[in-house]
Amino acid sequence: MAMQYDVKSYHVTTSKTVTNYAVRLKSLTVSPSSASARNMAVADPTVSKSGTYVRVALSTTVTITIVAHGLTNGQRVAVDFTSGIGVDGVYPVTVTGDDTFTIVTALNTAATGNVTIYTSLLLEIDTFNIIGLPILIPGEGIYCKNGMFVCVGGSVTATVFYG
């Protein structure tokens, strides 16, 4: 059997859009650097909304403001903190209003900044170990028709293989 030659890879150390064109996610390796709850996700980069966030000192609750966010309680979203002090990752939301919701993070320092959320998760991986976790996706892989945004949580890197 010949080796497949059209598979590409990209190593992600911070959350980012890896491709903005149709690909199939074939495999990935998640590498957390600490033995605690860590996560990562692959999301559709075209299904996102941006806004602002605030976290008061000594609280782990982050309040995010995005006009007409359209989320529901318990929905999991990939959160990319684009400025300020925040740890990217996948979080369940608690809706507090049409334009606001909260998430709970491990950090408890005061912070404000900008944030982008991705609501169309194509794959989510949660890990509690420091051993690299290789994931082979059977068949033709996961079709990512608009490309891939890869969200890596704190102390996590990932290598995605796609074609």
N, C-alpha and C. Protein backbone atom coordinates (compact mmCIF):
# COMPACT_ATOMS: atom_id res chain seq x y z
N MET A 1 0.85 -1.18 0.00
CA MET A 1 0.00 0.00 0.00
C MET A 1 0.90 1.24 0.00
N ALA A 2 0.61 2.17 -0.85
CA ALA A 2 1.41 3.40 -0.96
C ALA A 2 1.03 4.38 0.14
N MET A 3 1.98 5.20 0.54
CA MET A 3 1.73 6.21 1.56
C MET A 3 0.91 7.36 0.98
N GLN A 4 -0.02 7.85 1.76
CA GLN A 4 -0.83 8.98 1.31
C GLN A 4 0.05 10.23 1.30
N TYR A 5 0.11 10.92 0.19
CA TYR A 5 1.03 12.04 0.02
C TYR A 5 0.39 13.41 0.20
N ASP A 6 -0.92 13.47 0.28
CA ASP A 6 -1.58 14.77 0.33
C ASP A 6 -1.93 15.21 1.75
N VAL A 7 -1.47 14.51 2.78
CA VAL A 7 -1.75 14.89 4.16
C VAL A 7 -0.71 15.90 4.62
N LYS A 8 -1.22 16.98 5.18
CA LYS A 8 -0.35 18.04 5.71
C LYS A 8 -0.50 18.06 7.22
N SER A 9 0.44 18.71 7.90
CA SER A 9 0.33 18.83 9.35
C SER A 9 0.63 20.26 9.76
N TYR A 10 0.11 20.61 10.92
CA TYR A 10 0.36 21.94 11.49
C TYR A 10 0.41 21.79 13.00
N HIS A 11 1.48 22.31 13.60
CA HIS A 11 1.64 22.26 15.05
C HIS A 11 1.12 23.57 15.65
N VAL A 12 0.17 23.47 16.57
CA VAL A 12 -0.49 24.63 17.15
C VAL A 12 -0.05 24.79 18.60
N THR A 13 0.51 25.96 18.93
CA THR A 13 0.90 26.26 20.31
C THR A 13 0.00 27.32 20.92
N THR A 14 -0.70 28.07 20.08
CA THR A 14 -1.70 29.04 20.52
C THR A 14 -2.90 28.91 19.58
N SER A 15 -4.06 29.25 20.07
CA SER A 15 -5.29 29.10 19.28
C SER A 15 -5.19 29.92 17.99
N LYS A 16 -5.58 29.30 16.87
CA LYS A 16 -5.52 30.01 15.59
C LYS A 16 -6.25 29.27 14.50
N THR A 17 -6.56 29.99 13.43
CA THR A 17 -7.13 29.37 12.24
C THR A 17 -5.99 28.71 11.48
N VAL A 18 -6.10 27.42 11.27
CA VAL A 18 -5.06 26.66 10.57
C VAL A 18 -5.30 26.68 9.07
N THR A 19 -6.55 26.50 8.66
CA THR A 19 -6.91 26.59 7.24
C THR A 19 -8.22 27.35 7.12
N ASN A 20 -8.40 28.01 6.00
CA ASN A 20 -9.67 28.70 5.73
C ASN A 20 -10.29 28.16 4.45
N TYR A 21 -10.00 26.92 4.14
CA TYR A 21 -10.56 26.24 2.97
C TYR A 21 -10.92 24.81 3.39
N ALA A 22 -11.74 24.15 2.58
CA ALA A 22 -12.25 22.83 2.92
C ALA A 22 -11.12 21.80 3.04
N VAL A 23 -11.12 21.06 4.14
CA VAL A 23 -10.16 19.99 4.38
C VAL A 23 -10.86 18.87 5.15
N ARG A 24 -10.19 17.75 5.23
CA ARG A 24 -10.64 16.67 6.10
C ARG A 24 -9.60 16.48 7.20
N LEU A 25 -10.06 16.58 8.43
CA LEU A 25 -9.19 16.34 9.58
C LEU A 25 -8.99 14.84 9.69
N LYS A 26 -7.75 14.40 9.56
CA LYS A 26 -7.45 12.97 9.52
C LYS A 26 -7.00 12.42 10.88
N SER A 27 -6.25 13.23 11.61
CA SER A 27 -5.67 12.77 12.87
C SER A 27 -5.18 13.98 13.64
N LEU A 28 -4.93 13.80 14.92
CA LEU A 28 -4.31 14.86 15.71
C LEU A 28 -3.63 14.24 16.91
N THR A 29 -2.67 14.97 17.44
CA THR A 29 -2.00 14.58 18.67
C THR A 29 -2.10 15.75 19.62
N VAL A 30 -2.66 15.49 20.80
CA VAL A 30 -2.82 16.51 21.83
C VAL A 30 -1.72 16.28 22.86
N SER A 31 -1.00 17.34 23.21
CA SER A 31 0.12 17.22 24.16
C SER A 31 -0.01 18.22 25.29
N PRO A 32 -0.66 17.84 26.40
CA PRO A 32 -0.72 18.72 27.56
C PRO A 32 0.60 18.66 28.33
N SER A 33 0.95 19.74 29.02
CA SER A 33 2.22 19.74 29.76
C SER A 33 2.02 19.64 31.26
N SER A 34 0.79 19.45 31.71
CA SER A 34 0.55 19.24 33.13
C SER A 34 -0.60 18.27 33.33
N ALA A 35 -0.59 17.58 34.46
CA ALA A 35 -1.61 16.56 34.73
C ALA A 35 -2.80 17.17 35.45
N SER A 36 -3.56 17.94 34.72
CA SER A 36 -4.80 18.50 35.24
C SER A 36 -5.76 18.64 34.06
N ALA A 37 -6.97 19.07 34.33
CA ALA A 37 -7.97 19.16 33.27
C ALA A 37 -7.51 20.11 32.17
N ARG A 38 -7.36 19.62 30.98
CA ARG A 38 -6.95 20.40 29.81
C ARG A 38 -7.83 20.01 28.65
N ASN A 39 -8.03 20.95 27.70
CA ASN A 39 -8.85 20.61 26.54
C ASN A 39 -8.40 21.36 25.30
N MET A 40 -8.92 20.90 24.19
CA MET A 40 -8.69 21.55 22.90
C MET A 40 -9.87 21.22 22.02
N ALA A 41 -10.04 22.01 20.96
CA ALA A 41 -11.15 21.77 20.04
C ALA A 41 -10.77 22.22 18.64
N VAL A 42 -11.46 21.63 17.69
CA VAL A 42 -11.40 22.07 16.30
C VAL A 42 -12.79 22.62 16.00
N ALA A 43 -12.84 23.85 15.49
CA ALA A 43 -14.11 24.52 15.24
C ALA A 43 -14.13 25.10 13.84
N ASP A 44 -15.33 25.39 13.37
CA ASP A 44 -15.52 26.08 12.09
C ASP A 44 -15.11 27.54 12.28
N PRO A 45 -14.09 28.03 11.56
CA PRO A 45 -13.62 29.41 11.76
C PRO A 45 -14.61 30.48 11.30
N THR A 46 -15.63 30.09 10.53
CA THR A 46 -16.57 31.09 10.02
C THR A 46 -17.76 31.30 10.95
N VAL A 47 -17.86 30.47 12.01
CA VAL A 47 -18.99 30.60 12.93
C VAL A 47 -18.44 31.12 14.26
N SER A 48 -18.20 32.44 14.28
CA SER A 48 -17.60 33.06 15.47
C SER A 48 -18.26 34.41 15.72
N LYS A 49 -18.12 34.86 16.97
CA LYS A 49 -18.59 36.18 17.36
C LYS A 49 -17.56 36.76 18.31
N SER A 50 -17.38 38.07 18.24
CA SER A 50 -16.39 38.73 19.08
C SER A 50 -17.06 39.72 20.03
N GLY A 51 -16.39 39.94 21.15
CA GLY A 51 -16.90 40.87 22.15
C GLY A 51 -15.83 41.19 23.17
N THR A 52 -16.27 41.49 24.38
CA THR A 52 -15.35 41.85 25.45
C THR A 52 -15.62 40.97 26.66
N TYR A 53 -14.66 40.96 27.60
CA TYR A 53 -14.84 40.19 28.82
C TYR A 53 -14.29 40.96 30.00
N VAL A 54 -14.75 40.56 31.19
CA VAL A 54 -14.24 41.12 32.43
C VAL A 54 -14.26 40.02 33.49
N ARG A 55 -13.19 39.99 34.28
CA ARG A 55 -13.12 39.10 35.43
C ARG A 55 -12.62 39.94 36.60
N VAL A 56 -13.36 39.96 37.68
CA VAL A 56 -12.96 40.75 38.86
C VAL A 56 -11.98 39.94 39.69
N ALA A 57 -11.15 40.64 40.47
CA ALA A 57 -10.14 39.98 41.29
C ALA A 57 -10.78 38.98 42.25
N LEU A 58 -10.09 37.89 42.46
CA LEU A 58 -10.48 36.82 43.38
C LEU A 58 -11.74 36.08 42.94
N SER A 59 -12.08 36.18 41.67
CA SER A 59 -13.23 35.45 41.13
C SER A 59 -12.76 34.66 39.91
N THR A 60 -13.28 33.47 39.75
CA THR A 60 -12.98 32.67 38.57
C THR A 60 -14.05 32.81 37.49
N THR A 61 -15.08 33.61 37.78
CA THR A 61 -16.16 33.83 36.82
C THR A 61 -15.80 34.95 35.86
N VAL A 62 -15.88 34.65 34.58
CA VAL A 62 -15.62 35.62 33.53
C VAL A 62 -16.96 35.99 32.90
N THR A 63 -17.27 37.29 32.84
CA THR A 63 -18.48 37.75 32.19
C THR A 63 -18.11 38.23 30.79
N ILE A 64 -18.76 37.65 29.79
CA ILE A 64 -18.49 37.98 28.39
C ILE A 64 -19.70 38.69 27.82
N THR A 65 -19.42 39.79 27.11
CA THR A 65 -20.47 40.56 26.46
C THR A 65 -20.30 40.48 24.95
N ILE A 66 -21.30 39.89 24.30
CA ILE A 66 -21.35 39.80 22.84
C ILE A 66 -22.80 40.07 22.45
N VAL A 67 -23.01 41.11 21.66
CA VAL A 67 -24.37 41.50 21.28
C VAL A 67 -25.05 40.34 20.56
N ALA A 68 -26.25 40.00 21.03
CA ALA A 68 -27.08 38.94 20.44
C ALA A 68 -26.30 37.64 20.26
N HIS A 69 -25.69 37.16 21.34
CA HIS A 69 -24.82 35.97 21.26
C HIS A 69 -25.57 34.71 20.84
N GLY A 70 -26.84 34.56 21.18
CA GLY A 70 -27.65 33.43 20.74
C GLY A 70 -27.31 32.10 21.40
N LEU A 71 -26.62 32.10 22.51
CA LEU A 71 -26.22 30.87 23.18
C LEU A 71 -27.31 30.36 24.12
N THR A 72 -27.18 29.10 24.52
CA THR A 72 -28.10 28.51 25.49
C THR A 72 -27.30 28.00 26.68
N ASN A 73 -27.94 27.92 27.84
CA ASN A 73 -27.27 27.42 29.05
C ASN A 73 -26.66 26.04 28.81
N GLY A 74 -25.42 25.88 29.22
CA GLY A 74 -24.73 24.60 29.09
C GLY A 74 -24.05 24.38 27.77
N GLN A 75 -24.32 25.21 26.77
CA GLN A 75 -23.66 25.06 25.47
C GLN A 75 -22.16 25.22 25.64
N ARG A 76 -21.40 24.37 24.97
CA ARG A 76 -19.93 24.45 25.05
C ARG A 76 -19.43 25.24 23.85
N VAL A 77 -18.54 26.18 24.11
CA VAL A 77 -17.98 27.02 23.06
C VAL A 77 -16.46 27.08 23.22
N ALA A 78 -15.76 27.24 22.10
CA ALA A 78 -14.32 27.48 22.14
C ALA A 78 -14.12 28.97 22.35
N VAL A 79 -13.35 29.31 23.37
CA VAL A 79 -13.13 30.71 23.73
C VAL A 79 -11.67 31.07 23.46
N ASP A 80 -11.48 32.11 22.65
CA ASP A 80 -10.15 32.62 22.31
C ASP A 80 -10.02 34.02 22.91
N PHE A 81 -9.25 34.11 24.00
CA PHE A 81 -9.00 35.42 24.62
C PHE A 81 -7.94 36.12 23.76
N THR A 82 -8.36 37.16 23.03
CA THR A 82 -7.46 37.80 22.07
C THR A 82 -6.67 38.95 22.68
N SER A 83 -7.02 39.37 23.88
CA SER A 83 -6.21 40.36 24.61
C SER A 83 -6.48 40.18 26.11
N GLY A 84 -5.59 40.73 26.92
CA GLY A 84 -5.73 40.59 28.36
C GLY A 84 -5.22 39.24 28.83
N ILE A 85 -5.62 38.86 30.04
CA ILE A 85 -5.17 37.62 30.64
C ILE A 85 -6.33 36.64 30.70
N GLY A 86 -6.27 35.63 29.88
CA GLY A 86 -7.29 34.59 29.87
C GLY A 86 -6.70 33.32 29.31
N VAL A 87 -7.27 32.19 29.66
CA VAL A 87 -6.80 30.90 29.17
C VAL A 87 -7.81 30.37 28.16
N ASP A 88 -7.37 30.29 26.89
CA ASP A 88 -8.22 29.74 25.85
C ASP A 88 -8.66 28.33 26.23
N GLY A 89 -9.79 27.93 25.69
CA GLY A 89 -10.27 26.58 25.95
C GLY A 89 -11.73 26.44 25.60
N VAL A 90 -12.27 25.28 25.92
CA VAL A 90 -13.68 25.00 25.68
C VAL A 90 -14.39 25.08 27.02
N TYR A 91 -15.45 25.89 27.08
CA TYR A 91 -16.14 26.15 28.33
C TYR A 91 -17.66 26.02 28.13
N PRO A 92 -18.37 25.49 29.13
CA PRO A 92 -19.83 25.58 29.10
C PRO A 92 -20.24 26.98 29.54
N VAL A 93 -21.30 27.50 28.96
CA VAL A 93 -21.72 28.87 29.26
C VAL A 93 -22.96 28.87 30.15
N THR A 94 -23.07 29.94 30.93
CA THR A 94 -24.28 30.24 31.69
C THR A 94 -24.80 31.56 31.15
N VAL A 95 -25.95 31.53 30.51
CA VAL A 95 -26.52 32.73 29.90
C VAL A 95 -27.09 33.62 31.01
N THR A 96 -26.69 34.90 31.00
CA THR A 96 -27.19 35.86 31.99
C THR A 96 -28.01 36.97 31.34
N GLY A 97 -28.04 37.02 30.02
CA GLY A 97 -28.81 38.02 29.30
C GLY A 97 -28.66 37.81 27.80
N ASP A 98 -29.41 38.58 27.01
CA ASP A 98 -29.33 38.45 25.56
C ASP A 98 -27.94 38.77 25.02
N ASP A 99 -27.21 39.63 25.74
CA ASP A 99 -25.89 40.06 25.29
C ASP A 99 -24.77 39.62 26.22
N THR A 100 -25.07 38.86 27.28
CA THR A 100 -24.04 38.47 28.25
C THR A 100 -24.18 37.01 28.65
N PHE A 101 -23.04 36.42 28.99
CA PHE A 101 -23.00 35.07 29.55
C PHE A 101 -21.73 34.96 30.37
N THR A 102 -21.64 33.91 31.17
CA THR A 102 -20.44 33.72 32.00
C THR A 102 -19.85 32.35 31.72
N ILE A 103 -18.53 32.25 32.00
CA ILE A 103 -17.81 30.98 32.01
C ILE A 103 -16.98 30.97 33.28
N VAL A 104 -16.55 29.81 33.70
CA VAL A 104 -15.70 29.69 34.89
C VAL A 104 -14.34 29.18 34.46
N THR A 105 -13.29 29.92 34.84
CA THR A 105 -11.92 29.56 34.49
C THR A 105 -11.13 29.26 35.76
N ALA A 106 -9.91 28.78 35.57
CA ALA A 106 -9.04 28.49 36.71
C ALA A 106 -8.41 29.76 37.28
N LEU A 107 -8.21 30.77 36.42
CA LEU A 107 -7.58 32.01 36.88
C LEU A 107 -8.55 32.82 37.73
N ASN A 108 -8.00 33.56 38.70
CA ASN A 108 -8.85 34.40 39.54
C ASN A 108 -8.27 35.80 39.71
N THR A 109 -7.54 36.26 38.72
CA THR A 109 -6.99 37.61 38.76
C THR A 109 -7.88 38.54 37.94
N ALA A 110 -7.88 39.80 38.30
CA ALA A 110 -8.67 40.79 37.57
C ALA A 110 -8.14 40.90 36.14
N ALA A 111 -9.05 40.95 35.19
CA ALA A 111 -8.65 41.08 33.80
C ALA A 111 -9.81 41.58 32.96
N THR A 112 -9.47 42.30 31.91
CA THR A 112 -10.44 42.72 30.91
C THR A 112 -9.78 42.60 29.54
N GLY A 113 -10.58 42.52 28.51
CA GLY A 113 -10.01 42.45 27.17
C GLY A 113 -11.04 42.04 26.14
N ASN A 114 -10.50 41.58 25.03
CA ASN A 114 -11.33 41.15 23.90
C ASN A 114 -11.34 39.62 23.81
N VAL A 115 -12.43 39.10 23.27
CA VAL A 115 -12.59 37.66 23.18
C VAL A 115 -13.36 37.32 21.91
N THR A 116 -13.05 36.15 21.35
CA THR A 116 -13.81 35.61 20.23
C THR A 116 -14.26 34.21 20.62
N ILE A 117 -15.53 33.91 20.37
CA ILE A 117 -16.03 32.57 20.65
C ILE A 117 -16.36 31.86 19.33
N TYR A 118 -16.18 30.55 19.34
CA TYR A 118 -16.49 29.71 18.20
C TYR A 118 -17.53 28.71 18.66
N THR A 119 -18.68 28.71 18.01
CA THR A 119 -19.81 27.91 18.50
C THR A 119 -20.05 26.61 17.73
N SER A 120 -19.41 26.45 16.58
CA SER A 120 -19.59 25.24 15.80
C SER A 120 -18.39 24.32 16.00
N LEU A 121 -18.43 23.54 17.08
CA LEU A 121 -17.32 22.64 17.40
C LEU A 121 -17.43 21.38 16.55
N LEU A 122 -16.35 21.04 15.87
CA LEU A 122 -16.31 19.85 15.04
C LEU A 122 -15.72 18.67 15.80
N LEU A 123 -14.88 18.97 16.81
CA LEU A 123 -14.23 17.94 17.62
C LEU A 123 -13.76 18.59 18.91
N GLU A 124 -13.93 17.91 20.02
CA GLU A 124 -13.41 18.39 21.31
C GLU A 124 -12.69 17.24 21.99
N ILE A 125 -11.52 17.53 22.55
CA ILE A 125 -10.73 16.54 23.28
C ILE A 125 -10.47 17.09 24.67
N ASP A 126 -10.79 16.29 25.69
CA ASP A 126 -10.48 16.63 27.07
C ASP A 126 -9.46 15.61 27.56
N THR A 127 -8.44 16.08 28.29
CA THR A 127 -7.42 15.18 28.79
C THR A 127 -7.00 15.57 30.20
N PHE A 128 -6.52 14.61 30.95
CA PHE A 128 -6.07 14.84 32.32
C PHE A 128 -4.68 14.25 32.53
N ASN A 129 -3.93 14.06 31.47
CA ASN A 129 -2.66 13.37 31.55
C ASN A 129 -1.58 14.16 30.83
N ILE A 130 -0.32 13.94 31.18
CA ILE A 130 0.76 14.66 30.50
C ILE A 130 1.35 13.86 29.34
N ILE A 131 0.81 12.70 29.06
CA ILE A 131 1.28 11.89 27.95
C ILE A 131 0.56 12.34 26.69
N GLY A 132 1.31 12.51 25.60
CA GLY A 132 0.69 12.90 24.33
C GLY A 132 -0.40 11.92 23.94
N LEU A 133 -1.50 12.44 23.45
CA LEU A 133 -2.66 11.62 23.11
C LEU A 133 -2.87 11.65 21.60
N PRO A 134 -2.45 10.58 20.89
CA PRO A 134 -2.69 10.54 19.45
C PRO A 134 -4.10 10.06 19.15
N ILE A 135 -4.78 10.73 18.24
CA ILE A 135 -6.15 10.38 17.88
C ILE A 135 -6.20 10.17 16.37
N LEU A 136 -6.54 8.98 15.95
CA LEU A 136 -6.70 8.68 14.54
C LEU A 136 -8.19 8.68 14.23
N ILE A 137 -8.58 9.46 13.26
CA ILE A 137 -9.99 9.56 12.89
C ILE A 137 -10.24 8.58 11.75
N PRO A 138 -11.12 7.60 11.96
CA PRO A 138 -11.30 6.56 10.95
C PRO A 138 -11.98 7.06 9.67
N GLY A 139 -11.88 6.25 8.65
CA GLY A 139 -12.52 6.57 7.37
C GLY A 139 -11.84 7.75 6.70
N GLU A 140 -12.63 8.64 6.18
CA GLU A 140 -12.10 9.79 5.46
C GLU A 140 -11.84 10.98 6.35
N GLY A 141 -12.07 10.86 7.65
CA GLY A 141 -11.83 11.96 8.56
C GLY A 141 -13.05 12.83 8.75
N ILE A 142 -12.86 13.94 9.44
CA ILE A 142 -13.94 14.89 9.70
C ILE A 142 -13.88 15.99 8.65
N TYR A 143 -14.97 16.17 7.93
CA TYR A 143 -15.02 17.18 6.88
C TYR A 143 -15.18 18.56 7.51
N CYS A 144 -14.23 19.43 7.25
CA CYS A 144 -14.24 20.80 7.75
C CYS A 144 -14.43 21.71 6.54
N LYS A 145 -15.69 21.95 6.16
CA LYS A 145 -15.97 22.61 4.89
C LYS A 145 -15.48 24.05 4.80
N ASN A 146 -15.33 24.72 5.94
CA ASN A 146 -14.85 26.11 5.93
C ASN A 146 -13.45 26.27 6.51
N GLY A 147 -12.76 25.16 6.69
CA GLY A 147 -11.44 25.21 7.29
C GLY A 147 -11.49 24.81 8.76
N MET A 148 -10.38 25.10 9.47
CA MET A 148 -10.26 24.68 10.87
C MET A 148 -9.70 25.81 11.73
N PHE A 149 -10.42 26.12 12.80
CA PHE A 149 -9.87 26.93 13.89
C PHE A 149 -9.52 25.93 14.98
N VAL A 150 -8.26 25.94 15.42
CA VAL A 150 -7.83 25.02 16.47
C VAL A 150 -7.65 25.83 17.75
N CYS A 151 -8.43 25.48 18.76
CA CYS A 151 -8.39 26.15 20.06
C CYS A 151 -7.65 25.25 21.03
N VAL A 152 -6.54 25.72 21.55
CA VAL A 152 -5.79 24.95 22.54
C VAL A 152 -5.86 25.65 23.89
N GLY A 153 -6.22 24.90 24.90
CA GLY A 153 -6.30 25.44 26.25
C GLY A 153 -4.93 25.66 26.84
N GLY A 154 -4.90 26.18 28.05
CA GLY A 154 -3.64 26.44 28.73
C GLY A 154 -2.77 25.20 28.84
N SER A 155 -1.49 25.35 28.59
CA SER A 155 -0.51 24.26 28.70
C SER A 155 -0.78 23.09 27.75
N VAL A 156 -1.41 23.38 26.62
CA VAL A 156 -1.71 22.33 25.63
C VAL A 156 -1.18 22.76 24.28
N THR A 157 -0.56 21.82 23.58
CA THR A 157 -0.24 22.02 22.16
C THR A 157 -0.90 20.87 21.40
N ALA A 158 -1.05 21.07 20.11
CA ALA A 158 -1.65 20.01 19.29
C ALA A 158 -1.03 20.04 17.90
N THR A 159 -0.94 18.88 17.32
CA THR A 159 -0.55 18.77 15.91
C THR A 159 -1.73 18.18 15.17
N VAL A 160 -2.21 18.89 14.15
CA VAL A 160 -3.33 18.40 13.36
C VAL A 160 -2.82 17.92 12.02
N PHE A 161 -3.39 16.83 11.55
CA PHE A 161 -3.06 16.26 10.25
C PHE A 161 -4.31 16.31 9.39
N TYR A 162 -4.21 16.88 8.22
CA TYR A 162 -5.38 17.11 7.38
C TYR A 162 -5.02 16.97 5.92
N GLY A 163 -6.01 16.80 5.10
CA GLY A 163 -5.77 16.68 3.67
C GLY A 163 -7.06 16.85 2.91
